[in-house]
Amino acid sequence: MNATTRGCLLAALACVLVGGSFTANSLLGDYPYAGGQFLRYTLACLLLVPLAGPGAAARLRSLAPRQWARLALLAAVGMVGFNLAVLAAERTAEPAVPGVLVGCAPVVVAVLVPLLDGRRPRRAVLSGALLVAVGAFTVQGWGRTDGAGLGWSVCALAGEVGFAVLAVPVLRPLGPRLLSATVCGVAALESAAAGLLLDGTGWLRRPDATETTALLWQAAIVTVIGFVCWYMGMQRIGAERATLFSGLIPVAAACTAPLVGTGSYGLAQAVGSALVGAGVALGSGAPGRAARPRSLPVDEGARPLAHERE
């Protein structure tokens, strides 16, 4: 299996896990938002630190202040801010609205990353991204909203884009596992600060059995496995093509929703899933030298996991 195929599979797995996490989110509706994020990211950080590899402390010490600022912004925008924006949007908008806006992330990244790199967007990737966005819209439809709901949905889109774009310059020196551990630690601190500011002393409480199960799933599966797979995939195929796979998020959410009785999977979801698959195939298979993530060599910053050494 070559690096490109492996990168595509890793990015796909990460996005499927994130899509399935929306089912777990439905079980945390009564738990304080910031407290839940704090527990999720703290546990994930503790699980990721042993996987960071030798020399992790030295790599962190070598980071410049601007790189630490980027990590703080990545955690604030792409993790804590993204989840907060989705929650705020759903107060006045149906869940499909932020979902559709987030589904446009591949289009934004397909344009933004090449421009930041001083080159033109690749036609195949951009065409695939547009097809993915249409597929995401077909899967979810469009719901009722007001100005606030639409505004917060745009913020959620910015968070999804930031999660990929802001990570590009720090992925090389840290590697996927140390980067995931670091941003989870930073996000935990930011969540605690947000909780104290917004909810006061009620920002954290003991979760019940159902909430504990959902938080463990979010931390161990979605965050630890999902984040590492996402950044390993991005390391191999680049941010543009990796973000195409975010179209699998609404597909996975639509597939898992019937399991807990929060939705159904019908003809629209099937057609949308097919469109997403076609867009991913078109964009991720784009040929050309520019498609290679030149600045993100696979073996830079971290050794591969055990199953990657074979």
Foldseek 3Di string as FASTA:
>chain_A
DDLLVLLQVLLLLLLLLLLLLVLLVVLCPPAQLLQLLLLQLVLLLVVLVVVQDPPQVVLVVPDDPVLVVLLLVLLCQQPSLLVVLLVQLVVFKPSLLLQLLLLLLLLVLLQPVQVVVVHGRDPLLNQLSVLLSVLSCLQRPGIDGDPSSNVSSNSNNRNNNSNLPSCVVVCQSAPQRSSLSVSSVSNSVVSVVVLCVPPNPSNHDDDDPSNVVSSCSSRPPNRNSSSSSLSLSCLWFNSNLSSLSNSCSSLSNQVCCVVVPNHHQDDSSVVSVVSSVVSSVRNSPDDDPVRGPVVRHNPGNHHDDPVVVD
